[in-house]
Protein backbone atom coordinates (compact mmCIF):
# COMPACT_ATOMS: atom_id res chain seq x y z
CA MET A 1 -79.96 -92.75 13.32
CA VAL A 2 -79.03 -90.02 10.85
CA VAL A 3 -80.04 -86.50 11.92
CA ASP A 4 -80.91 -83.89 9.31
CA LYS A 5 -79.98 -80.68 11.15
CA LYS A 6 -81.98 -78.37 8.90
CA ILE A 7 -85.26 -77.13 10.33
CA TYR A 8 -87.83 -77.28 7.54
CA ASP A 9 -90.68 -74.83 7.37
CA ILE A 10 -92.92 -77.55 5.95
CA ILE A 11 -92.61 -81.31 5.79
CA GLY A 12 -95.25 -82.97 3.65
CA VAL A 13 -96.00 -86.63 4.21
CA GLY A 14 -97.20 -88.40 1.08
CA ILE A 15 -96.57 -87.41 -2.54
CA GLY A 16 -99.80 -87.77 -4.43
CA PRO A 17 -101.16 -85.11 -6.81
CA PHE A 18 -102.17 -82.78 -3.97
CA ASN A 19 -98.87 -82.66 -2.09
CA LEU A 20 -97.03 -82.70 -5.41
CA GLY A 21 -98.98 -79.57 -6.32
CA LEU A 22 -97.98 -78.04 -2.99
CA ALA A 23 -94.34 -78.84 -3.75
CA CYS A 24 -94.71 -77.01 -7.08
CA LEU A 25 -96.31 -73.93 -5.57
CA THR A 26 -93.83 -73.67 -2.69
CA ASP A 27 -90.82 -74.14 -4.97
CA PRO A 28 -90.58 -70.46 -6.07
CA ILE A 29 -91.07 -69.15 -2.52
CA GLU A 30 -87.52 -68.45 -1.35
CA GLU A 31 -88.43 -67.99 2.31
CA LEU A 32 -89.66 -71.60 2.58
CA ASP A 33 -87.54 -74.70 3.14
CA VAL A 34 -89.77 -77.65 2.35
CA LEU A 35 -89.42 -81.42 2.12
CA PHE A 36 -91.88 -84.08 0.97
CA LEU A 37 -91.58 -87.75 1.91
CA ASP A 38 -93.27 -90.83 0.46
CA LYS A 39 -92.77 -94.54 1.07
CA SER A 40 -93.36 -95.46 -2.59
CA GLU A 41 -90.34 -95.98 -4.82
CA SER A 42 -91.60 -93.44 -7.34
CA PHE A 43 -94.66 -91.47 -8.38
CA ASN A 44 -97.22 -93.70 -10.10
CA TRP A 45 -100.82 -92.53 -9.98
CA HIS A 46 -103.37 -95.39 -9.78
CA PRO A 47 -101.23 -97.72 -11.94
CA GLY A 48 -103.79 -100.52 -11.70
CA MET A 49 -106.36 -98.40 -13.57
CA LEU A 50 -104.27 -96.74 -16.29
CA MET A 51 -106.07 -98.31 -19.23
CA GLU A 52 -104.98 -96.77 -22.51
CA TYR A 53 -108.31 -95.11 -23.36
CA THR A 54 -109.32 -93.77 -19.93
CA THR A 55 -109.42 -90.04 -19.23
CA LEU A 56 -109.74 -87.72 -16.28
CA GLN A 57 -113.21 -86.25 -15.83
CA ILE A 58 -111.93 -82.70 -15.41
CA PRO A 59 -110.23 -80.32 -17.89
CA PHE A 60 -106.46 -80.09 -18.27
CA MET A 61 -106.44 -76.72 -16.47
CA ALA A 62 -107.07 -78.67 -13.27
CA ASP A 63 -103.42 -79.73 -13.31
CA LEU A 64 -101.07 -79.31 -10.36
CA VAL A 65 -100.72 -75.52 -10.57
CA THR A 66 -102.59 -73.67 -13.31
CA LEU A 67 -105.67 -72.61 -11.32
CA ALA A 68 -103.32 -71.04 -8.76
CA ASP A 69 -100.53 -69.85 -11.05
CA PRO A 70 -101.10 -70.04 -14.83
CA THR A 71 -97.51 -68.89 -15.40
CA SER A 72 -95.93 -71.77 -13.46
CA LYS A 73 -93.26 -73.78 -15.21
CA TYR A 74 -94.92 -76.87 -13.72
CA SER A 75 -98.13 -76.47 -15.72
CA PHE A 76 -99.44 -79.17 -18.02
CA LEU A 77 -99.19 -76.83 -21.00
CA ASN A 78 -95.51 -76.25 -20.32
CA TYR A 79 -95.03 -80.00 -20.03
CA ILE A 80 -96.54 -80.75 -23.46
CA LYS A 81 -94.64 -77.80 -24.94
CA GLN A 82 -91.39 -79.25 -23.63
CA GLU A 83 -92.40 -82.69 -24.91
CA GLY A 84 -93.20 -81.32 -28.38
CA ARG A 85 -96.91 -82.18 -28.25
CA MET A 86 -98.45 -78.69 -27.94
CA TYR A 87 -99.84 -78.54 -31.47
CA SER A 88 -101.00 -82.16 -31.45
CA PHE A 89 -102.88 -81.48 -28.22
CA TYR A 90 -104.35 -78.31 -29.74
CA ILE A 91 -105.57 -80.17 -32.83
CA LYS A 92 -106.93 -82.99 -30.66
CA GLU A 93 -109.48 -80.52 -29.23
CA ASN A 94 -110.24 -82.48 -26.09
CA PHE A 95 -109.90 -80.80 -22.70
CA LEU A 96 -109.97 -84.15 -20.86
CA LEU A 97 -106.52 -85.63 -20.32
CA LEU A 98 -105.77 -89.28 -20.82
CA ARG A 99 -104.99 -90.72 -17.41
CA GLN A 100 -101.71 -92.11 -18.68
CA GLU A 101 -100.75 -88.66 -19.91
CA TYR A 102 -101.66 -87.12 -16.55
CA ASN A 103 -99.44 -89.70 -14.87
CA TYR A 104 -96.58 -88.95 -17.26
CA TYR A 105 -97.06 -85.23 -16.61
CA CYS A 106 -96.83 -85.71 -12.84
CA GLN A 107 -93.74 -87.88 -13.24
CA TRP A 108 -92.17 -85.13 -15.38
CA VAL A 109 -92.89 -82.61 -12.62
CA VAL A 110 -91.33 -84.96 -10.05
CA SER A 111 -88.15 -85.04 -12.13
CA GLN A 112 -87.95 -81.21 -11.93
CA LEU A 113 -88.20 -80.91 -8.14
CA ALA A 114 -85.40 -81.38 -5.60
CA THR A 115 -87.69 -81.33 -2.56
CA LEU A 116 -89.17 -84.80 -3.02
CA GLN A 117 -87.85 -87.93 -1.36
CA PHE A 118 -89.24 -91.34 -2.23
CA SER A 119 -88.64 -94.77 -0.63
CA THR A 120 -88.97 -92.94 2.68
CA GLU A 121 -91.58 -94.20 5.13
CA VAL A 122 -92.53 -91.89 7.98
CA THR A 123 -92.77 -94.07 11.08
CA THR A 124 -93.40 -91.61 13.92
CA ILE A 125 -94.01 -87.92 14.49
CA ASP A 126 -93.71 -86.20 17.87
CA TYR A 127 -94.04 -82.62 19.01
CA ASP A 128 -91.28 -81.02 21.08
CA GLU A 129 -93.04 -78.58 23.43
CA GLU A 130 -89.84 -76.75 24.34
CA LEU A 131 -88.61 -76.25 20.78
CA GLN A 132 -92.15 -75.97 19.39
CA LEU A 133 -91.08 -78.16 16.49
CA TYR A 134 -92.22 -81.47 15.04
CA LYS A 135 -89.76 -84.36 15.03
CA VAL A 136 -90.32 -86.66 12.05
CA ILE A 137 -88.68 -90.10 12.06
CA SER A 138 -88.45 -91.96 8.76
CA ARG A 139 -87.12 -95.28 7.50
CA HIS A 140 -85.61 -95.77 4.06
CA THR A 141 -87.52 -98.71 2.63
CA LYS A 142 -84.49 -100.12 0.76
CA THR A 143 -81.66 -99.58 3.25
CA ASP A 144 -83.59 -99.46 6.57
CA VAL A 145 -81.60 -96.32 7.48
CA MET A 146 -83.51 -94.20 10.00
CA VAL A 147 -83.47 -90.41 9.58
CA GLU A 148 -84.62 -87.68 11.95
CA TYR A 149 -86.11 -84.49 10.51
CA TRP A 150 -87.46 -81.35 12.19
CA ALA A 151 -90.27 -79.12 10.92
CA ARG A 152 -92.33 -76.13 11.94
CA LYS A 153 -95.41 -77.19 9.99
CA LEU A 154 -96.76 -80.46 8.60
CA VAL A 155 -99.03 -81.29 5.66
CA PHE A 156 -100.46 -84.80 5.44
CA GLY A 157 -101.30 -86.02 1.96
CA THR A 158 -101.21 -89.78 2.45
CA GLY A 159 -104.32 -90.43 0.37
CA THR A 160 -107.01 -93.04 0.82
CA THR A 161 -107.03 -96.84 1.02
CA PRO A 162 -108.96 -99.27 -1.22
CA TYR A 163 -112.21 -100.26 0.48
CA VAL A 164 -113.87 -103.68 0.31
CA PRO A 165 -117.26 -104.05 2.07
CA GLU A 166 -117.44 -106.27 5.12
CA ALA A 167 -119.91 -108.58 3.39
CA ALA A 168 -117.19 -109.54 0.90
CA LEU A 169 -114.55 -110.45 3.48
CA PRO A 170 -115.50 -114.18 3.59
CA ILE A 171 -114.51 -114.40 -0.10
CA GLN A 172 -111.50 -112.07 0.06
CA ASN A 173 -109.35 -114.59 -1.82
CA LYS A 174 -111.81 -114.27 -4.70
CA VAL A 175 -111.90 -110.46 -4.61
CA VAL A 176 -109.67 -108.08 -6.56
CA HIS A 177 -110.08 -104.36 -5.92
CA THR A 178 -110.19 -102.32 -9.11
CA SER A 179 -107.08 -100.42 -7.96
CA LYS A 180 -105.18 -103.63 -8.82
CA PHE A 181 -107.08 -104.49 -11.98
CA LEU A 182 -104.31 -104.23 -14.56
CA HIS A 183 -101.87 -106.09 -12.30
CA ASN A 184 -104.27 -109.04 -12.25
CA LYS A 185 -106.08 -108.70 -15.57
CA GLU A 186 -104.51 -111.73 -17.25
CA GLU A 187 -105.44 -114.04 -14.35
CA ILE A 188 -108.94 -112.52 -14.13
CA GLN A 189 -109.61 -113.21 -17.80
CA GLN A 190 -108.76 -116.88 -17.32
CA GLN A 191 -111.86 -117.27 -15.12
CA LYS A 192 -115.16 -118.51 -16.52
CA SER A 193 -117.29 -115.98 -14.67
CA ILE A 194 -116.37 -112.40 -13.70
CA THR A 195 -118.51 -110.05 -11.60
CA VAL A 196 -117.93 -106.31 -11.24
CA LEU A 197 -119.34 -104.98 -7.97
CA GLY A 198 -120.00 -101.23 -7.76
CA SER A 199 -121.43 -98.46 -9.90
CA GLY A 200 -118.93 -95.61 -10.30
CA GLN A 201 -116.47 -94.63 -13.00
CA SER A 202 -113.98 -97.35 -12.04
CA ALA A 203 -116.65 -100.04 -12.28
CA ALA A 204 -117.69 -98.78 -15.71
CA GLU A 205 -114.11 -98.61 -17.02
CA VAL A 206 -113.28 -102.11 -15.85
CA PHE A 207 -116.56 -103.50 -17.19
CA TYR A 208 -115.96 -101.86 -20.58
CA ASP A 209 -112.38 -103.16 -20.73
CA LEU A 210 -113.47 -106.73 -19.99
CA LEU A 211 -116.49 -106.44 -22.29
CA SER A 212 -114.28 -105.52 -25.23
CA GLU A 213 -112.52 -108.90 -25.02
CA ILE A 214 -115.40 -111.09 -23.84
CA ASP A 215 -115.64 -113.02 -27.12
CA VAL A 216 -111.88 -113.66 -27.10
CA HIS A 217 -111.81 -115.29 -23.66
CA ASN A 218 -115.40 -116.60 -23.50
CA TYR A 219 -116.13 -115.65 -19.88
CA SER A 220 -119.49 -114.55 -18.57
CA LEU A 221 -119.46 -110.94 -17.45
CA ASN A 222 -121.71 -109.51 -14.75
CA TRP A 223 -122.15 -106.02 -13.33
CA VAL A 224 -123.93 -105.72 -9.99
CA THR A 225 -124.63 -102.48 -8.14
CA ARG A 226 -126.81 -101.38 -5.23
CA SER A 227 -127.57 -98.10 -7.04
CA SER A 228 -131.04 -97.85 -8.55
CA ARG A 229 -129.51 -97.16 -11.95
CA PHE A 230 -126.21 -96.48 -13.66
CA PHE A 231 -126.00 -92.78 -12.79
CA PRO A 232 -124.14 -90.43 -15.13
CA MET A 233 -121.87 -87.80 -13.67
CA GLU A 234 -123.54 -84.39 -13.57
CA TYR A 235 -121.78 -81.86 -15.78
CA GLY A 236 -124.29 -79.00 -15.76
CA LYS A 237 -122.49 -75.69 -15.40
CA LEU A 238 -124.58 -74.54 -12.45
CA THR A 239 -123.91 -77.88 -10.78
CA LEU A 240 -120.20 -77.50 -11.43
CA GLU A 241 -120.36 -74.21 -9.52
CA MET A 242 -120.65 -76.35 -6.40
CA THR A 243 -116.96 -77.05 -6.92
CA SER A 244 -116.15 -73.66 -5.50
CA PRO A 245 -114.85 -71.87 -2.40
CA GLU A 246 -118.37 -70.56 -1.71
CA TYR A 247 -119.84 -74.04 -1.58
CA VAL A 248 -117.04 -75.24 0.70
CA ASP A 249 -117.87 -72.32 3.02
CA TYR A 250 -121.55 -73.20 2.87
CA PHE A 251 -121.06 -76.92 3.46
CA TYR A 252 -118.60 -76.39 6.30
CA GLN A 253 -121.02 -74.29 8.36
CA LEU A 254 -123.83 -76.86 8.20
CA GLY A 255 -124.51 -79.27 11.07
CA LYS A 256 -122.78 -82.67 11.12
CA GLN A 257 -125.96 -84.64 10.38
CA LYS A 258 -126.92 -82.39 7.48
CA ARG A 259 -123.40 -82.72 6.02
CA ARG A 260 -123.62 -86.52 6.15
CA GLU A 261 -127.03 -86.46 4.47
CA LEU A 262 -125.73 -84.20 1.72
CA LEU A 263 -122.69 -86.39 1.09
CA GLU A 264 -125.05 -89.28 0.44
CA GLU A 265 -127.11 -87.13 -1.93
CA HIS A 266 -123.99 -85.84 -3.69
CA LYS A 267 -122.59 -89.24 -4.65
CA HIS A 268 -123.70 -88.85 -8.25
CA LEU A 269 -121.75 -85.57 -8.40
CA TYR A 270 -118.41 -87.27 -7.84
CA LYS A 271 -119.09 -91.01 -8.06
CA GLY A 272 -121.16 -91.04 -11.24
CA ILE A 273 -120.08 -92.37 -14.63
CA ASN A 274 -119.03 -90.37 -17.66
CA GLU A 275 -122.17 -90.30 -19.83
CA ASP A 276 -120.21 -91.03 -23.00
CA LEU A 277 -118.82 -94.18 -21.40
CA ILE A 278 -122.32 -95.34 -20.40
CA ASN A 279 -123.41 -94.98 -24.02
CA GLU A 280 -120.26 -96.72 -25.28
CA ILE A 281 -120.96 -99.66 -22.97
CA PHE A 282 -124.50 -99.98 -24.33
CA ASP A 283 -123.29 -99.80 -27.93
CA LEU A 284 -120.58 -102.37 -27.29
CA ILE A 285 -123.03 -104.78 -25.66
CA TYR A 286 -125.28 -104.36 -28.70
CA SER A 287 -122.38 -105.12 -31.05
CA LYS A 288 -121.16 -108.13 -29.05
CA LYS A 289 -124.64 -109.67 -28.90
CA LEU A 290 -125.16 -109.01 -32.60
CA ASN A 291 -122.00 -110.84 -33.61
CA HIS A 292 -121.88 -113.35 -30.75
CA PRO A 293 -125.50 -114.14 -29.76
CA ASP A 294 -124.46 -116.60 -27.05
CA VAL A 295 -122.24 -114.13 -25.18
CA ASN A 296 -123.22 -114.06 -21.49
CA ILE A 297 -123.60 -110.50 -20.17
CA SER A 298 -125.66 -109.46 -17.16
CA LEU A 299 -126.26 -106.06 -15.54
CA ARG A 300 -128.15 -105.83 -12.22
CA THR A 301 -129.12 -102.70 -10.27
CA ASN A 302 -130.79 -102.29 -6.84
CA SER A 303 -128.68 -105.18 -5.55
CA THR A 304 -126.91 -104.87 -2.21
CA LEU A 305 -124.30 -107.44 -1.17
CA VAL A 306 -125.29 -108.75 2.28
CA ASN A 307 -123.22 -111.94 2.61
CA SER A 308 -120.78 -114.17 0.76
CA THR A 309 -119.09 -117.53 0.94
CA VAL A 310 -116.91 -119.88 -1.10
CA ASP A 311 -118.48 -123.09 -2.42
CA ASN A 312 -116.71 -125.58 -4.70
CA GLY A 313 -114.03 -123.04 -5.47
CA GLN A 314 -116.48 -120.32 -6.49
CA ALA A 315 -117.65 -117.17 -4.78
CA VAL A 316 -121.33 -117.22 -3.85
CA LEU A 317 -122.90 -113.81 -3.19
CA ALA A 318 -126.09 -113.23 -1.24
CA LEU A 319 -127.72 -110.10 -2.66
CA HIS A 320 -130.80 -108.11 -1.71
CA GLN A 321 -132.97 -106.59 -4.43
CA GLU A 322 -133.88 -103.33 -2.72
CA GLU A 323 -137.07 -102.48 -4.61
CA GLU A 324 -138.54 -105.98 -4.69
CA GLU A 325 -137.23 -106.64 -1.18
CA LYS A 326 -136.12 -110.12 -2.21
CA TYR A 327 -132.87 -111.97 -1.57
CA TYR A 328 -131.10 -113.91 -4.32
CA LYS A 329 -127.77 -115.61 -4.88
CA HIS A 330 -125.17 -115.09 -7.53
CA THR A 331 -122.23 -117.41 -8.25
CA THR A 332 -119.00 -116.24 -9.86
CA ASP A 333 -115.31 -117.12 -10.07
CA VAL A 334 -113.93 -113.69 -9.26
CA VAL A 335 -115.32 -110.42 -7.92
CA LEU A 336 -113.87 -107.10 -9.07
CA ALA A 337 -114.62 -104.70 -6.22
CA ALA A 338 -115.20 -101.20 -7.59
CA THR A 339 -116.22 -100.19 -4.09
CA GLY A 340 -114.15 -97.06 -3.68
CA TYR A 341 -111.67 -95.88 -1.10
CA LYS A 342 -111.75 -94.79 2.51
CA ALA A 343 -109.71 -92.40 4.59
CA VAL A 344 -107.48 -94.13 7.13
CA THR A 345 -105.69 -92.28 9.91
CA PRO A 346 -101.98 -93.07 9.45
CA SER A 347 -100.28 -94.79 12.38
CA PHE A 348 -97.42 -92.29 12.43
CA VAL A 349 -99.70 -89.69 14.03
CA ASN A 350 -100.16 -91.74 17.21
CA GLY A 351 -97.55 -89.64 19.00
CA LEU A 352 -99.47 -86.50 18.05
CA ASN A 353 -102.95 -87.59 19.10
CA LYS A 354 -103.24 -85.14 21.98
CA HIS A 355 -102.31 -82.29 19.65
CA LEU A 356 -104.80 -83.18 16.89
CA ARG A 357 -108.56 -82.88 16.45
CA PHE A 358 -110.62 -86.01 15.74
CA ASP A 359 -114.35 -86.58 15.39
CA GLN A 360 -116.24 -89.29 17.29
CA GLN A 361 -115.47 -91.84 14.56
CA GLY A 362 -111.73 -91.21 14.79
CA ASN A 363 -111.48 -89.20 11.57
CA PHE A 364 -109.46 -86.01 11.34
CA ALA A 365 -111.68 -83.04 12.25
CA ALA A 366 -110.44 -80.39 9.85
CA ARG A 367 -111.07 -76.70 10.34
CA ARG A 368 -112.14 -74.53 7.42
CA ASN A 369 -108.45 -73.65 6.86
CA TYR A 370 -107.65 -77.40 6.49
CA SER A 371 -105.77 -77.56 9.81
CA ILE A 372 -106.28 -80.43 12.26
CA ASP A 373 -104.14 -79.33 15.22
CA HIS A 374 -105.74 -77.66 18.22
CA LYS A 375 -103.97 -74.38 17.53
CA GLY A 376 -105.22 -74.36 13.96
CA THR A 377 -101.85 -73.22 12.62
CA ASP A 378 -99.46 -76.16 12.34
CA VAL A 379 -100.81 -79.40 10.84
CA PHE A 380 -102.83 -79.48 7.62
CA VAL A 381 -104.48 -82.22 5.57
CA GLN A 382 -105.09 -82.90 1.89
CA ASN A 383 -108.01 -85.10 0.80
CA ALA A 384 -108.93 -86.05 4.37
CA GLU A 385 -111.68 -83.49 4.97
CA LEU A 386 -114.62 -85.05 3.11
CA LEU A 387 -116.89 -84.96 6.17
CA THR A 388 -116.24 -81.28 6.85
CA HIS A 389 -115.60 -79.74 3.42
CA GLY A 390 -117.79 -81.91 1.22
CA PHE A 391 -117.62 -83.80 -2.05
CA VAL A 392 -115.06 -81.39 -3.57
CA THR A 393 -112.38 -82.82 -1.24
CA PRO A 394 -110.93 -85.41 -3.68
CA ASP A 395 -111.49 -83.20 -6.74
CA LEU A 396 -108.20 -82.54 -8.53
CA GLY A 397 -109.65 -79.23 -9.70
CA MET A 398 -109.74 -77.92 -6.12
CA GLY A 399 -106.17 -78.95 -5.32
CA ALA A 400 -104.56 -75.67 -6.40
CA TYR A 401 -107.11 -73.67 -4.40
CA ARG A 402 -106.53 -75.72 -1.26
CA ASN A 403 -102.75 -75.48 -1.64
CA SER A 404 -102.94 -71.70 -2.10
CA PHE A 405 -105.05 -71.54 1.05
CA ILE A 406 -102.61 -73.70 3.05
CA ILE A 407 -99.62 -71.64 1.89
CA LYS A 408 -101.38 -68.46 3.01
CA GLU A 409 -102.20 -70.00 6.40
CA ILE A 410 -98.60 -71.10 6.93
CA THR A 411 -96.81 -67.98 5.69
CA GLY A 412 -99.36 -65.28 6.45
CA LYS A 413 -98.98 -64.07 2.85
CA GLU A 414 -101.21 -64.61 -0.15
CA TYR A 415 -98.55 -65.64 -2.65
CA TYR A 416 -101.26 -66.89 -4.99
CA PRO A 417 -104.53 -64.94 -5.31
CA ILE A 418 -107.29 -66.93 -3.62
CA GLU A 419 -110.69 -66.61 -5.23
CA LYS A 420 -113.36 -66.08 -2.61
CA LYS A 421 -116.31 -65.93 -4.99
CA ILE A 422 -116.55 -67.65 -8.36
CA ALA A 423 -120.17 -68.84 -8.47
CA PHE A 424 -123.06 -66.90 -9.99
CA GLN A 425 -125.48 -68.56 -7.58
CA GLN A 426 -125.84 -68.06 -3.83
CA PHE A 427 -125.83 -71.08 -1.52
CA ALA A 428 -126.40 -69.62 1.95
CA VAL A 429 -129.02 -67.27 3.36
CA GLY A 430 -127.61 -63.75 3.74
CA VAL A 431 -127.55 -62.10 7.15
CA ASP A 432 -129.61 -59.16 5.92
CA GLU A 433 -132.36 -61.36 4.44
CA GLU A 434 -132.86 -63.90 7.22
CA ILE A 435 -136.17 -63.83 9.08
CA SER A 436 -137.08 -65.68 12.26
CA HIS A 437 -140.54 -66.87 11.11
CA PRO A 438 -142.41 -66.98 7.76
CA ASN A 439 -145.22 -64.87 9.23
CA GLU A 440 -142.75 -62.07 9.74
CA ILE A 441 -143.36 -60.94 6.16
CA LEU A 442 -147.09 -60.65 6.93
CA ASN A 443 -146.41 -58.32 9.84
CA ASN A 444 -144.40 -56.02 7.61
CA THR A 445 -147.17 -56.01 4.99
CA LEU A 446 -149.82 -55.24 7.65
CA GLU A 447 -147.83 -52.27 8.93
CA GLU A 448 -147.56 -50.87 5.40
CA VAL A 449 -151.36 -51.18 4.89
CA MET A 450 -152.10 -49.43 8.19
CA LEU A 451 -149.82 -46.59 7.17
């Protein structure tokens, strides 16, 4: 066991965009010694979905740092300036970054920072009551060397895990999650029948990619979703104001049941499809059927997967048409599961369980300040607070705000100005305008008449 004798102010576990942004924003702060650990060999953001044409659904200003510190040397604009693409990007006149370019940008940032350590899997974390420090044990994934680190504060940014519904488990050998699409694309296109399951942006991107080559490989292509239609992402400016500190405050103070109901209602705000892509899919289907009338393309909504099995080497899906309330079967060679991701509590926190807050389902119970320890001062999370902070949790555009907030909570100083109000609209009832009963306004009116 190798012992790192330095006591770090912050150890971050996981190096995705959110903790990478935290590494950028803590880098200029001389009073902080920080270290970030990740079991991956290198930074590679959703490599299985980096199709050449795909873009982020947020503007380039939602990079790792700009919304917290526009002058940071780790901004996207500085990156393209250093790469000699500033004027090309300016002429391009598109605020939405190509996903590949965003990945290259993050990798460039990684190359600038000395506080990141890859191929390092955190295995256990314990709290030393006497020292009031956290002991972090890691294993180097290539050499198996164990290292002991010590930290005053922790920030977990381990991300989410690809989710496949339970009803698809009987055919798991026929299922490929979209997160691994490009790794398996060649094999997928050798099948005679392909079915995309799901309705979000990933489903649409994969469907479009396969649709573009359907006449080359001659497979049938199906898209099945339980949604009532192929919902576009909402981009109205007043709707976008919900991606704000005020809405996080509002959502956080609601009751648990109301928050869960709202998350269901808000799915089209963060799980919808880019409207341009929806239109491009329609136009491409039109073109393919015009030039190849026998091409086999099927799109089905209102269809919930309830069971599955393998028969004669094919996947057989039992689906329920929600509006007709009828069951039907669908046979395919491979299922592409665009069924999203779920938060999973990492096993390395087992030694900390008595120090951390969990809800009844075993999820981290984050406070408004993103802490999950009982003291509310030591252990913070990134992208694990969906149930408490709402749909903005995975939004890259809120990463800089959350990191500024966490830095302030850890240091007691507001190194980066934290916007408390950005929305024109008001979400919550003000203290001075609340009434206990609707008839209360009648009483006031009656008193005025009598006077």
